[in-house]
Every structure is written in structure tokens, then in C-alpha cells.
PDB file of N, CA and C in Angstrom:
ATOM      1  N   MET A   1       1.708 -24.673   2.097  1.00  0.00           N
ATOM      2  CA  MET A   1       1.192 -23.472   1.348  1.00  0.00           C
ATOM      3  C   MET A   1       1.249 -22.147   2.172  1.00  0.00           C
ATOM      4  N   ARG A   2       0.876 -22.446   3.501  1.00  0.00           N
ATOM      5  CA  ARG A   2       0.841 -21.269   4.494  1.00  0.00           C
ATOM      6  C   ARG A   2       2.162 -20.677   4.596  1.00  0.00           C
ATOM      7  N   GLU A   3       3.329 -21.600   4.610  1.00  0.00           N
ATOM      8  CA  GLU A   3       4.655 -21.060   4.991  1.00  0.00           C
ATOM      9  C   GLU A   3       5.050 -20.182   3.768  1.00  0.00           C
ATOM     10  N   LYS A   4       4.770 -20.451   2.440  1.00  0.00           N
ATOM     11  CA  LYS A   4       5.084 -19.563   1.290  1.00  0.00           C
ATOM     12  C   LYS A   4       4.331 -18.509   1.411  1.00  0.00           C
ATOM     13  N   ALA A   5       2.986 -18.405   1.808  1.00  0.00           N
ATOM     14  CA  ALA A   5       2.327 -17.286   2.009  1.00  0.00           C
ATOM     15  C   ALA A   5       2.839 -16.397   3.061  1.00  0.00           C
ATOM     16  N   SER A   6       3.335 -16.864   4.162  1.00  0.00           N
ATOM     17  CA  SER A   6       3.988 -16.001   5.223  1.00  0.00           C
ATOM     18  C   SER A   6       5.309 -15.624   4.555  1.00  0.00           C
ATOM     19  N   TYR A   7       5.955 -16.296   3.970  1.00  0.00           N
ATOM     20  CA  TYR A   7       7.320 -15.764   3.420  1.00  0.00           C
ATOM     21  C   TYR A   7       7.151 -14.740   2.447  1.00  0.00           C
ATOM     22  N   ASP A   8       6.210 -14.910   1.403  1.00  0.00           N
ATOM     23  CA  ASP A   8       5.824 -13.923   0.650  1.00  0.00           C
ATOM     24  C   ASP A   8       5.358 -12.509   1.120  1.00  0.00           C
ATOM     25  N   ARG A   9       4.489 -12.540   2.177  1.00  0.00           N
ATOM     26  CA  ARG A   9       4.228 -11.483   3.056  1.00  0.00           C
ATOM     27  C   ARG A   9       5.234 -10.899   3.652  1.00  0.00           C
ATOM     28  N   ASP A  10       6.089 -11.509   4.321  1.00  0.00           N
ATOM     29  CA  ASP A  10       7.334 -11.088   5.113  1.00  0.00           C
ATOM     30  C   ASP A  10       8.288 -10.459   4.035  1.00  0.00           C
ATOM     31  N   THR A  11       8.474 -10.966   2.857  1.00  0.00           N
ATOM     32  CA  THR A  11       9.434 -10.345   1.844  1.00  0.00           C
ATOM     33  C   THR A  11       8.759  -9.061   1.360  1.00  0.00           C
ATOM     34  N   ARG A  12       7.475  -8.781   1.192  1.00  0.00           N
ATOM     35  CA  ARG A  12       6.937  -7.717   0.737  1.00  0.00           C
ATOM     36  C   ARG A  12       7.060  -6.593   1.956  1.00  0.00           C
ATOM     37  N   ILE A  13       6.957  -7.038   3.194  1.00  0.00           N
ATOM     38  CA  ILE A  13       7.061  -6.087   4.182  1.00  0.00           C
ATOM     39  C   ILE A  13       8.483  -5.537   4.239  1.00  0.00           C
ATOM     40  N   SER A  14       9.505  -6.568   4.135  1.00  0.00           N
ATOM     41  CA  SER A  14      10.899  -6.119   4.022  1.00  0.00           C
ATOM     42  C   SER A  14      11.373  -5.170   2.830  1.00  0.00           C
ATOM     43  N   ARG A  15      10.752  -5.329   1.724  1.00  0.00           N
ATOM     44  CA  ARG A  15      10.811  -4.555   0.460  1.00  0.00           C
ATOM     45  C   ARG A  15      10.279  -3.347   0.769  1.00  0.00           C
ATOM     46  N   ALA A  16       9.055  -3.126   1.442  1.00  0.00           N
ATOM     47  CA  ALA A  16       8.279  -1.812   1.706  1.00  0.00           C
ATOM     48  C   ALA A  16       9.357  -1.019   2.661  1.00  0.00           C
ATOM     49  N   LEU A  17       9.997  -1.706   3.560  1.00  0.00           N
ATOM     50  CA  LEU A  17      10.844  -0.984   4.534  1.00  0.00           C
ATOM     51  C   LEU A  17      12.222  -0.644   3.908  1.00  0.00           C
ATOM     52  N   ARG A  18      12.761  -1.461   3.028  1.00  0.00           N
ATOM     53  CA  ARG A  18      14.089  -1.474   2.373  1.00  0.00           C
ATOM     54  C   ARG A  18      14.025  -0.512   1.086  1.00  0.00           C
ATOM     55  N   ASP A  19      13.050  -0.796   0.260  1.00  0.00           N
ATOM     56  CA  ASP A  19      13.052  -0.106  -0.984  1.00  0.00           C
ATOM     57  C   ASP A  19      11.949   1.023  -1.270  1.00  0.00           C
ATOM     58  N   VAL A  20      11.000   1.105  -0.610  1.00  0.00           N
ATOM     59  CA  VAL A  20       9.991   2.081  -0.484  1.00  0.00           C
ATOM     60  C   VAL A  20      10.258   3.318   0.369  1.00  0.00           C
ATOM     61  N   LEU A  21      10.176   3.136   1.700  1.00  0.00           N
ATOM     62  CA  LEU A  21      10.258   4.184   2.739  1.00  0.00           C
ATOM     63  C   LEU A  21      11.417   4.955   2.464  1.00  0.00           C
ATOM     64  N   PRO A  22      12.669   4.476   2.257  1.00  0.00           N
ATOM     65  CA  PRO A  22      13.782   5.452   1.875  1.00  0.00           C
ATOM     66  C   PRO A  22      13.869   6.044   0.668  1.00  0.00           C
ATOM     67  N   LYS A  23      13.234   5.616  -0.359  1.00  0.00           N
ATOM     68  CA  LYS A  23      13.442   6.015  -1.815  1.00  0.00           C
ATOM     69  C   LYS A  23      12.110   6.672  -2.340  1.00  0.00           C
ATOM     70  N   TYR A  24      11.045   6.754  -1.592  1.00  0.00           N
ATOM     71  CA  TYR A  24       9.964   7.343  -2.148  1.00  0.00           C
ATOM     72  C   TYR A  24       9.458   8.469  -1.176  1.00  0.00           C
ATOM     73  N   ASP A  25       8.704   9.468  -1.699  1.00  0.00           N
ATOM     74  CA  ASP A  25       7.998  10.376  -0.790  1.00  0.00           C
ATOM     75  C   ASP A  25       6.502   9.892  -0.772  1.00  0.00           C
ATOM     76  N   ILE A  26       5.854   9.767   0.353  1.00  0.00           N
ATOM     77  CA  ILE A  26       4.388   9.273   0.504  1.00  0.00           C
ATOM     78  C   ILE A  26       3.706  10.603   0.953  1.00  0.00           C
ATOM     79  N   LYS A  27       2.748  11.046   0.203  1.00  0.00           N
ATOM     80  CA  LYS A  27       1.792  12.055   0.508  1.00  0.00           C
ATOM     81  C   LYS A  27       0.508  11.794   0.272  1.00  0.00           C
ATOM     82  N   GLU A  28      -0.461  12.375   1.096  1.00  0.00           N
ATOM     83  CA  GLU A  28      -1.933  12.117   1.082  1.00  0.00           C
ATOM     84  C   GLU A  28      -2.304  13.071   0.012  1.00  0.00           C
ATOM     85  N   VAL A  29      -3.110  12.616  -0.876  1.00  0.00           N
ATOM     86  CA  VAL A  29      -3.573  13.526  -1.849  1.00  0.00           C
ATOM     87  C   VAL A  29      -5.052  14.147  -1.190  1.00  0.00           C
ATOM     88  N   ILE A  30      -5.056  15.384  -0.948  1.00  0.00           N
ATOM     89  CA  ILE A  30      -6.165  16.022  -0.489  1.00  0.00           C
ATOM     90  C   ILE A  30      -7.129  16.406  -1.636  1.00  0.00           C
ATOM     91  N   GLU A  31      -8.347  15.757  -1.585  1.00  0.00           N
ATOM     92  CA  GLU A  31      -9.412  16.006  -2.447  1.00  0.00           C
ATOM     93  C   GLU A  31     -10.019  17.459  -2.221  1.00  0.00           C
ATOM     94  N   THR A  32     -10.425  18.257  -3.063  1.00  0.00           N
ATOM     95  CA  THR A  32     -10.906  19.464  -3.033  1.00  0.00           C
ATOM     96  C   THR A  32     -12.390  19.527  -3.013  1.00  0.00           C
ATOM     97  N   ARG A  33     -13.043  18.387  -3.036  1.00  0.00           N
ATOM     98  CA  ARG A  33     -14.301  18.062  -3.245  1.00  0.00           C
ATOM     99  C   ARG A  33     -15.149  18.352  -1.704  1.00  0.00           C
ATOM    100  N   GLY A  34     -16.262  18.989  -1.797  1.00  0.00           N
ATOM    101  CA  GLY A  34     -16.747  19.355  -0.270  1.00  0.00           C
ATOM    102  C   GLY A  34     -17.042  18.092   0.570  1.00  0.00           C
ATOM    103  N   SER A  35     -17.309  16.919   0.034  1.00  0.00           N
ATOM    104  CA  SER A  35     -17.772  15.718   1.028  1.00  0.00           C
ATOM    105  C   SER A  35     -16.425  15.022   1.567  1.00  0.00           C
ATOM    106  N   VAL A  36     -16.683  14.401   2.593  1.00  0.00           N
ATOM    107  CA  VAL A  36     -15.712  13.618   3.173  1.00  0.00           C
ATOM    108  C   VAL A  36     -15.735  12.127   2.651  1.00  0.00           C
ATOM    109  N   SER A  37     -14.734  11.623   2.124  1.00  0.00           N
ATOM    110  CA  SER A  37     -14.772  10.252   1.607  1.00  0.00           C
ATOM    111  C   SER A  37     -14.233   9.282   2.539  1.00  0.00           C
ATOM    112  N   ASP A  38     -14.835   8.108   2.466  1.00  0.00           N
ATOM    113  CA  ASP A  38     -14.227   6.970   3.168  1.00  0.00           C
ATOM    114  C   ASP A  38     -12.961   6.650   2.565  1.00  0.00           C
ATOM    115  N   LEU A  39     -12.601   6.881   1.269  1.00  0.00           N
ATOM    116  CA  LEU A  39     -11.448   6.530   0.552  1.00  0.00           C
ATOM    117  C   LEU A  39     -10.251   7.626   0.686  1.00  0.00           C
ATOM    118  N   VAL A  40      -9.038   7.208   1.007  1.00  0.00           N
ATOM    119  CA  VAL A  40      -7.972   8.081   1.178  1.00  0.00           C
ATOM    120  C   VAL A  40      -7.104   7.643   0.115  1.00  0.00           C
ATOM    121  N   LYS A  41      -6.564   8.803  -0.568  1.00  0.00           N
ATOM    122  CA  LYS A  41      -5.507   8.575  -1.649  1.00  0.00           C
ATOM    123  C   LYS A  41      -4.181   9.010  -1.371  1.00  0.00           C
ATOM    124  N   PHE A  42      -3.124   8.323  -1.695  1.00  0.00           N
ATOM    125  CA  PHE A  42      -1.690   8.656  -1.288  1.00  0.00           C
ATOM    126  C   PHE A  42      -0.932   8.562  -2.602  1.00  0.00           C
ATOM    127  N   ARG A  43      -0.062   9.474  -2.885  1.00  0.00           N
ATOM    128  CA  ARG A  43       0.927   9.363  -3.991  1.00  0.00           C
ATOM    129  C   ARG A  43       2.014   9.002  -3.363  1.00  0.00           C
ATOM    130  N   VAL A  44       2.553   7.831  -4.051  1.00  0.00           N
ATOM    131  CA  VAL A  44       4.054   7.183  -3.632  1.00  0.00           C
ATOM    132  C   VAL A  44       4.978   7.591  -4.814  1.00  0.00           C
ATOM    133  N   LYS A  45       5.709   8.501  -4.632  1.00  0.00           N
ATOM    134  CA  LYS A  45       6.531   9.260  -5.553  1.00  0.00           C
ATOM    135  C   LYS A  45       8.082   9.050  -5.361  1.00  0.00           C
ATOM    136  N   SER A  46       8.523   8.401  -6.536  1.00  0.00           N
ATOM    137  CA  SER A  46       9.980   8.192  -6.403  1.00  0.00           C
ATOM    138  C   SER A  46      10.848   9.586  -6.118  1.00  0.00           C
ATOM    139  N   LYS A  47      11.847   9.461  -5.307  1.00  0.00           N
ATOM    140  CA  LYS A  47      12.677  10.602  -4.998  1.00  0.00           C
ATOM    141  C   LYS A  47      13.838  10.657  -6.292  1.00  0.00           C
ATOM    142  N   VAL A  48      13.988   9.813  -7.090  1.00  0.00           N
ATOM    143  CA  VAL A  48      14.808   9.837  -8.087  1.00  0.00           C
ATOM    144  C   VAL A  48      14.094  10.317  -9.344  1.00  0.00           C
ATOM    145  N   PRO A  49      14.414  11.351  -9.905  1.00  0.00           N
ATOM    146  CA  PRO A  49      13.648  11.935 -11.188  1.00  0.00           C
ATOM    147  C   PRO A  49      13.566  10.976 -12.282  1.00  0.00           C
ATOM    148  N   GLU A  50      14.660  10.149 -12.539  1.00  0.00           N
ATOM    149  CA  GLU A  50      14.560   9.296 -13.715  1.00  0.00           C
ATOM    150  C   GLU A  50      13.635   8.121 -13.510  1.00  0.00           C
ATOM    151  N   LYS A  51      13.129   7.860 -12.344  1.00  0.00           N
ATOM    152  CA  LYS A  51      12.214   6.872 -12.166  1.00  0.00           C
ATOM    153  C   LYS A  51      10.820   7.413 -11.996  1.00  0.00           C
ATOM    154  N   ALA A  52      10.434   8.404 -12.637  1.00  0.00           N
ATOM    155  CA  ALA A  52       9.170   8.985 -12.523  1.00  0.00           C
ATOM    156  C   ALA A  52       7.906   7.955 -12.941  1.00  0.00           C
ATOM    157  N   LEU A  53       8.341   7.149 -13.739  1.00  0.00           N
ATOM    158  CA  LEU A  53       7.420   6.110 -14.291  1.00  0.00           C
ATOM    159  C   LEU A  53       7.143   5.241 -13.031  1.00  0.00           C
ATOM    160  N   SER A  54       7.752   5.196 -11.968  1.00  0.00           N
ATOM    161  CA  SER A  54       7.566   4.396 -10.853  1.00  0.00           C
ATOM    162  C   SER A  54       6.805   5.067  -9.660  1.00  0.00           C
ATOM    163  N   ASP A  55       6.051   6.158 -10.041  1.00  0.00           N
ATOM    164  CA  ASP A  55       5.109   6.873  -9.081  1.00  0.00           C
ATOM    165  C   ASP A  55       3.794   6.146  -9.181  1.00  0.00           C
ATOM    166  N   TYR A  56       3.156   5.946  -8.008  1.00  0.00           N
ATOM    167  CA  TYR A  56       1.993   5.204  -8.009  1.00  0.00           C
ATOM    168  C   TYR A  56       0.981   5.864  -6.981  1.00  0.00           C
ATOM    169  N   GLU A  57      -0.275   5.416  -7.228  1.00  0.00           N
ATOM    170  CA  GLU A  57      -1.325   5.901  -6.392  1.00  0.00           C
ATOM    171  C   GLU A  57      -1.942   4.798  -5.540  1.00  0.00           C
ATOM    172  N   VAL A  58      -1.975   4.836  -4.144  1.00  0.00           N
ATOM    173  CA  VAL A  58      -2.484   4.011  -3.114  1.00  0.00           C
ATOM    174  C   VAL A  58      -3.670   4.597  -2.827  1.00  0.00           C
ATOM    175  N   VAL A  59      -4.884   3.669  -2.769  1.00  0.00           N
ATOM    176  CA  VAL A  59      -6.156   4.069  -2.166  1.00  0.00           C
ATOM    177  C   VAL A  59      -6.543   3.214  -1.118  1.00  0.00           C
ATOM    178  N   VAL A  60      -6.897   3.777   0.143  1.00  0.00           N
ATOM    179  CA  VAL A  60      -7.186   3.003   1.318  1.00  0.00           C
ATOM    180  C   VAL A  60      -8.611   3.404   1.793  1.00  0.00           C
ATOM    181  N   SER A  61      -9.289   2.447   2.242  1.00  0.00           N
ATOM    182  CA  SER A  61     -10.660   2.878   2.771  1.00  0.00           C
ATOM    183  C   SER A  61     -10.434   3.041   4.335  1.00  0.00           C
ATOM    184  N   ARG A  62     -10.758   4.253   4.835  1.00  0.00           N
ATOM    185  CA  ARG A  62     -10.759   4.334   6.381  1.00  0.00           C
ATOM    186  C   ARG A  62     -11.544   3.260   7.115  1.00  0.00           C
ATOM    187  N   GLU A  63     -12.683   2.805   6.598  1.00  0.00           N
ATOM    188  CA  GLU A  63     -13.622   2.058   7.237  1.00  0.00           C
ATOM    189  C   GLU A  63     -13.432   0.631   6.907  1.00  0.00           C
ATOM    190  N   TRP A  64     -12.280   0.274   6.123  1.00  0.00           N
ATOM    191  CA  TRP A  64     -12.185  -0.983   5.552  1.00  0.00           C
ATOM    192  C   TRP A  64     -13.227  -1.637   4.697  1.00  0.00           C
ATOM    193  N   LYS A  65     -13.858  -0.751   4.034  1.00  0.00           N
ATOM    194  CA  LYS A  65     -14.861  -1.159   3.223  1.00  0.00           C
ATOM    195  C   LYS A  65     -14.597  -2.043   2.005  1.00  0.00           C
ATOM    196  N   VAL A  66     -13.500  -1.605   1.610  1.00  0.00           N
ATOM    197  CA  VAL A  66     -12.696  -2.272   0.300  1.00  0.00           C
ATOM    198  C   VAL A  66     -11.142  -2.442   0.645  1.00  0.00           C
ATOM    199  N   PRO A  67     -10.690  -3.544   0.240  1.00  0.00           N
ATOM    200  CA  PRO A  67      -9.155  -3.597   0.388  1.00  0.00           C
ATOM    201  C   PRO A  67      -8.384  -2.426  -0.189  1.00  0.00           C
ATOM    202  N   PRO A  68      -7.410  -2.245   0.412  1.00  0.00           N
ATOM    203  CA  PRO A  68      -6.409  -1.110  -0.151  1.00  0.00           C
ATOM    204  C   PRO A  68      -6.048  -1.856  -1.587  1.00  0.00           C
ATOM    205  N   SER A  69      -5.791  -0.530  -2.340  1.00  0.00           N
ATOM    206  CA  SER A  69      -5.264  -0.969  -3.784  1.00  0.00           C
ATOM    207  C   SER A  69      -4.217   0.054  -4.083  1.00  0.00           C
ATOM    208  N   CYS A  70      -3.372  -0.530  -5.090  1.00  0.00           N
ATOM    209  CA  CYS A  70      -2.222   0.247  -5.735  1.00  0.00           C
ATOM    210  C   CYS A  70      -2.409   0.127  -7.154  1.00  0.00           C
ATOM    211  N   ASN A  71      -1.924   1.246  -7.976  1.00  0.00           N
ATOM    212  CA  ASN A  71      -1.944   1.035  -9.433  1.00  0.00           C
ATOM    213  C   ASN A  71      -0.569   0.517 -10.044  1.00  0.00           C
ATOM    214  N   CYS A  72       0.193  -0.071  -9.308  1.00  0.00           N
ATOM    215  CA  CYS A  72       1.431  -0.546  -9.604  1.00  0.00           C
ATOM    216  C   CYS A  72       1.156  -2.067 -10.265  1.00  0.00           C
ATOM    217  N   PRO A  73       2.028  -2.643 -11.043  1.00  0.00           N
ATOM    218  CA  PRO A  73       1.718  -3.895 -11.718  1.00  0.00           C
ATOM    219  C   PRO A  73       1.509  -4.996 -10.596  1.00  0.00           C
ATOM    220  N   ASP A  74       2.388  -4.993  -9.599  1.00  0.00           N
ATOM    221  CA  ASP A  74       2.188  -5.978  -8.415  1.00  0.00           C
ATOM    222  C   ASP A  74       0.973  -5.819  -7.765  1.00  0.00           C
ATOM    223  N   GLY A  75       0.513  -4.482  -7.433  1.00  0.00           N
ATOM    224  CA  GLY A  75      -0.806  -4.042  -6.696  1.00  0.00           C
ATOM    225  C   GLY A  75      -1.952  -4.645  -7.506  1.00  0.00           C
ATOM    226  N   ALA A  76      -1.949  -4.445  -8.736  1.00  0.00           N
ATOM    227  CA  ALA A  76      -3.109  -4.898  -9.775  1.00  0.00           C
ATOM    228  C   ALA A  76      -3.332  -6.358  -9.730  1.00  0.00           C
ATOM    229  N   ARG A  77      -2.165  -7.160  -9.716  1.00  0.00           N
ATOM    230  CA  ARG A  77      -2.225  -8.491  -9.555  1.00  0.00           C
ATOM    231  C   ARG A  77      -2.657  -9.104  -8.244  1.00  0.00           C
ATOM    232  N   ARG A  78      -2.165  -8.399  -7.208  1.00  0.00           N
ATOM    233  CA  ARG A  78      -2.586  -8.936  -5.859  1.00  0.00           C
ATOM    234  C   ARG A  78      -4.195  -8.711  -5.485  1.00  0.00           C
ATOM    235  N   ALA A  79      -4.674  -7.660  -6.334  1.00  0.00           N
ATOM    236  CA  ALA A  79      -6.099  -7.416  -6.129  1.00  0.00           C
ATOM    237  C   ALA A  79      -7.026  -8.566  -6.282  1.00  0.00           C
ATOM    238  N   SER A  80      -6.444  -9.474  -7.062  1.00  0.00           N
ATOM    239  CA  SER A  80      -7.412 -10.655  -7.349  1.00  0.00           C
ATOM    240  C   SER A  80      -6.964 -11.858  -6.602  1.00  0.00           C
ATOM    241  N   VAL A  81      -5.793 -11.887  -6.004  1.00  0.00           N
ATOM    242  CA  VAL A  81      -5.245 -13.048  -5.153  1.00  0.00           C
ATOM    243  C   VAL A  81      -4.996 -12.774  -3.708  1.00  0.00           C
ATOM    244  N   ALA A  82      -5.393 -11.552  -3.112  1.00  0.00           N
ATOM    245  CA  ALA A  82      -5.142 -11.255  -1.936  1.00  0.00           C
ATOM    246  C   ALA A  82      -3.646 -10.798  -1.644  1.00  0.00           C
ATOM    247  N   GLY A  83      -3.530  -9.891  -0.581  1.00  0.00           N
ATOM    248  CA  GLY A  83      -2.256  -9.386  -0.150  1.00  0.00           C
ATOM    249  C   GLY A  83      -2.021  -8.069  -0.682  1.00  0.00           C
ATOM    250  N   TYR A  84      -0.990  -7.345  -0.187  1.00  0.00           N
ATOM    251  CA  TYR A  84      -0.679  -6.063  -0.563  1.00  0.00           C
ATOM    252  C   TYR A  84       0.491  -5.932  -1.271  1.00  0.00           C
ATOM    253  N   CYS A  85       0.840  -4.941  -2.113  1.00  0.00           N
ATOM    254  CA  CYS A  85       1.995  -4.614  -2.738  1.00  0.00           C
ATOM    255  C   CYS A  85       3.006  -3.721  -1.669  1.00  0.00           C
ATOM    256  N   LYS A  86       4.108  -3.671  -2.027  1.00  0.00           N
ATOM    257  CA  LYS A  86       5.181  -3.047  -0.960  1.00  0.00           C
ATOM    258  C   LYS A  86       4.704  -1.469  -1.000  1.00  0.00           C
ATOM    259  N   HIS A  87       4.218  -0.953  -1.949  1.00  0.00           N
ATOM    260  CA  HIS A  87       3.768   0.495  -1.909  1.00  0.00           C
ATOM    261  C   HIS A  87       2.428   0.585  -0.920  1.00  0.00           C
ATOM    262  N   THR A  88       1.727  -0.344  -0.881  1.00  0.00           N
ATOM    263  CA  THR A  88       0.448  -0.233   0.114  1.00  0.00           C
ATOM    264  C   THR A  88       1.077  -0.476   1.475  1.00  0.00           C
ATOM    265  N   ILE A  89       1.851  -1.366   1.660  1.00  0.00           N
ATOM    266  CA  ILE A  89       2.478  -1.787   2.912  1.00  0.00           C
ATOM    267  C   ILE A  89       3.170  -0.377   3.462  1.00  0.00           C
ATOM    268  N   ALA A  90       3.931   0.228   2.596  1.00  0.00           N
ATOM    269  CA  ALA A  90       4.537   1.462   3.093  1.00  0.00           C
ATOM    270  C   ALA A  90       3.548   2.553   3.513  1.00  0.00           C
ATOM    271  N   VAL A  91       2.630   2.688   2.837  1.00  0.00           N
ATOM    272  CA  VAL A  91       1.526   3.630   3.045  1.00  0.00           C
ATOM    273  C   VAL A  91       0.849   3.329   4.471  1.00  0.00           C
ATOM    274  N   LEU A  92       0.682   2.066   4.718  1.00  0.00           N
ATOM    275  CA  LEU A  92       0.111   1.729   5.956  1.00  0.00           C
ATOM    276  C   LEU A  92       0.829   1.867   7.097  1.00  0.00           C
ATOM    277  N   LEU A  93       2.286   1.550   6.891  1.00  0.00           N
ATOM    278  CA  LEU A  93       3.167   1.630   7.924  1.00  0.00           C
ATOM    279  C   LEU A  93       3.262   3.156   8.342  1.00  0.00           C
ATOM    280  N   THR A  94       3.227   3.964   7.528  1.00  0.00           N
ATOM    281  CA  THR A  94       3.455   5.425   7.792  1.00  0.00           C
ATOM    282  C   THR A  94       2.295   6.249   8.289  1.00  0.00           C
ATOM    283  N   ASN A  95       1.072   5.566   8.256  1.00  0.00           N
ATOM    284  CA  ASN A  95      -0.145   6.289   8.485  1.00  0.00           C
ATOM    285  C   ASN A  95      -0.522   5.664   9.819  1.00  0.00           C
ATOM    286  N   SER A  96      -0.615   6.402  10.897  1.00  0.00           N
ATOM    287  CA  SER A  96      -1.105   5.916  12.198  1.00  0.00           C
ATOM    288  C   SER A  96      -2.675   5.535  12.030  1.00  0.00           C
ATOM    289  N   GLU A  97      -3.403   6.323  11.397  1.00  0.00           N
ATOM    290  CA  GLU A  97      -4.750   6.118  11.345  1.00  0.00           C
ATOM    291  C   GLU A  97      -5.149   4.705  10.688  1.00  0.00           C
ATOM    292  N   LEU A  98      -4.260   4.374   9.627  1.00  0.00           N
ATOM    293  CA  LEU A  98      -4.503   3.339   8.855  1.00  0.00           C
ATOM    294  C   LEU A  98      -3.727   2.132   9.129  1.00  0.00           C
ATOM    295  N   SER A  99      -2.789   2.115   9.998  1.00  0.00           N
ATOM    296  CA  SER A  99      -1.669   1.137  10.175  1.00  0.00           C
ATOM    297  C   SER A  99      -2.424  -0.097  10.665  1.00  0.00           C
ATOM    298  N   CYS A 100      -3.455  -0.062  11.428  1.00  0.00           N
ATOM    299  CA  CYS A 100      -4.200  -1.355  11.878  1.00  0.00           C
ATOM    300  C   CYS A 100      -4.612  -2.250  10.745  1.00  0.00           C
ATOM    301  N   GLN A 101      -4.679  -1.650   9.493  1.00  0.00           N
ATOM    302  CA  GLN A 101      -5.135  -2.472   8.349  1.00  0.00           C
ATOM    303  C   GLN A 101      -4.054  -3.539   8.013  1.00  0.00           C
ATOM    304  N   MET A 102      -2.712  -3.314   8.479  1.00  0.00           N
ATOM    305  CA  MET A 102      -1.786  -4.351   8.215  1.00  0.00           C
ATOM    306  C   MET A 102      -2.211  -5.644   8.766  1.00  0.00           C
ATOM    307  N   ILE A 103      -2.990  -5.644   9.851  1.00  0.00           N
ATOM    308  CA  ILE A 103      -3.635  -6.908  10.351  1.00  0.00           C
ATOM    309  C   ILE A 103      -4.189  -7.739   9.274  1.00  0.00           C
ATOM    310  N   GLU A 104      -4.786  -7.073   8.348  1.00  0.00           N
ATOM    311  CA  GLU A 104      -5.417  -7.960   7.304  1.00  0.00           C
ATOM    312  C   GLU A 104      -4.359  -8.752   6.516  1.00  0.00           C
ATOM    313  N   LEU A 105      -3.019  -8.357   6.513  1.00  0.00           N
ATOM    314  CA  LEU A 105      -1.945  -9.043   5.784  1.00  0.00           C
ATOM    315  C   LEU A 105      -1.840 -10.451   6.450  1.00  0.00           C
ATOM    316  N   TYR A 106      -1.952 -10.342   7.814  1.00  0.00           N
ATOM    317  CA  TYR A 106      -1.815 -11.664   8.474  1.00  0.00           C
ATOM    318  C   TYR A 106      -3.007 -12.494   8.475  1.00  0.00           C
ATOM    319  N   LEU A 107      -4.148 -11.866   8.496  1.00  0.00           N
ATOM    320  CA  LEU A 107      -5.575 -12.746   8.575  1.00  0.00           C
ATOM    321  C   LEU A 107      -5.597 -13.464   7.265  1.00  0.00           C
ATOM    322  N   ARG A 108      -5.221 -12.840   5.992  1.00  0.00           N
ATOM    323  CA  ARG A 108      -5.345 -13.441   4.843  1.00  0.00           C
ATOM    324  C   ARG A 108      -4.421 -14.591   4.538  1.00  0.00           C
ATOM    325  N   ASP A 109      -3.344 -14.818   5.295  1.00  0.00           N
ATOM    326  CA  ASP A 109      -2.355 -15.917   5.195  1.00  0.00           C
ATOM    327  C   ASP A 109      -2.879 -17.108   5.861  1.00  0.00           C
ATOM    328  N   ASN A 110      -3.911 -17.197   6.798  1.00  0.00           N
ATOM    329  CA  ASN A 110      -4.469 -18.200   7.362  1.00  0.00           C
ATOM    330  C   ASN A 110      -5.427 -18.991   6.639  1.00  0.00           C
TER     331      ASN A 110
END
């Protein structure tokens, strides 16, 4: 079972590198509210106009209070079984402040 979990994780990381990083723009959504929130939102937007339905929102807790989440179908399913979708992985890989949360992927597989 552990080997399958590692394979699934590595596949998601590969897909984030291959499918998301070159094909999507990742931008932090700046909240205009006055307070600083622990939660950081990112818009993961397809660079291909015909794929506008493939635009997603990833939410990450700076303090690791809650696991990262994505509103894509895979992200919704993973929220209940552990692990991150490729959009969440791409966000974590591109943000130096949050990249340490990739460790959680490896800890959950044990």
C-alpha cells in the first residue's frame, strides 16, 4: 500500500510540473479586507482561453492550521483521503513561503 501511495504522490508531482506549471498562471488573490488572514488564496488559471472551466482556486494556511485545498474535482476528493491535487502542488512549488508544506505529502504516505 505504501508503494502505491508513493507512486500516486510522485505522479501528482510530475503532473504538476508537466501539466500545471507551463500551462497555467498562478497568482495570489489579494484580499482587500483590512485584517491579515492565515489563509492565502491563489487563482490557478489556464493560459488557454477555451479551458476557462479549468480555472481553480487553491487555499493554503500559512500556519498549517488546515490542509491546503483546491476546488478542482480531484482536490475535493483528496480532501477526505489525504494528499494534494496537482494544482495545490504547483502552488506550493512556486511559493517559497509555503513550499515547506510539500513535506506534508511525504509524511501522509507513511
